Amino acid sequence: MLLEDFRFNDAIQVLEPVISKNNQQRFTYVLEKQREYLIQSSIKRVIRKCCFLFGTSLDEALRFSRTITKATNKLPIVLGTTEQPYILIPTLSPDRPYTMWLAHHAILNCDVNSKVDCVVHLDNQIRPFFKTNVSTATLQTQLTRAMFLKRNYRLLKDLMPEPISENHVVFIDSNNLKRLD
């Protein structure tokens, strides 16, 4: 699939970088609930497109996450609306080419005490178990950040002004955002 044909959807569970054997081409493996496919683009470009489709940028999504969680690395990002936020959890720094992104809503469980390559259990018919490139402790930290981010993102709904019309969009500038308690 070409990047321009890709659209983010709620069936997406995993985005994984794939690099050709000769290191010449970068792809992104996409695992959805009932299908899987490759996108002819790097993982970073795919994540940037996901952000763009929701009217934000990766930098802005990371800034928002940093503001809410007070964390500085491996920040989950929120896409979607305050009614239906989608949280993507990176396994490594978002700038690294080997970073996998896991959809928070798809994770049912993870293997405990895994020092490396933690296996996540997914709500998936094709690959119910998915091997990551991080430890269980790292993944559990990421899941905690994601829950905190989701809770605070939903609280934003109460702070939003009433839309002027159905087509009215309100953008949130994380530079002016105060931490929600």
Foldseek 3Di string as FASTA:
>chain_A
DELVPDDDDPQWFKWFWDADPVRPFIWIWTAGQEDIDIYRDAPLVNVQVHQVVQPHGPVQQQLLLCQALVDDFQGWGWGDALVDIWIWGWQGGSPDRGIMIGTLVFFPAWDPPFQAFIWTQGNHDPPRIDTDGHGPVSVVVRNVSVVSSSVQSNVCVVVDDDAPDPPGDDDDGSVPDHHDD
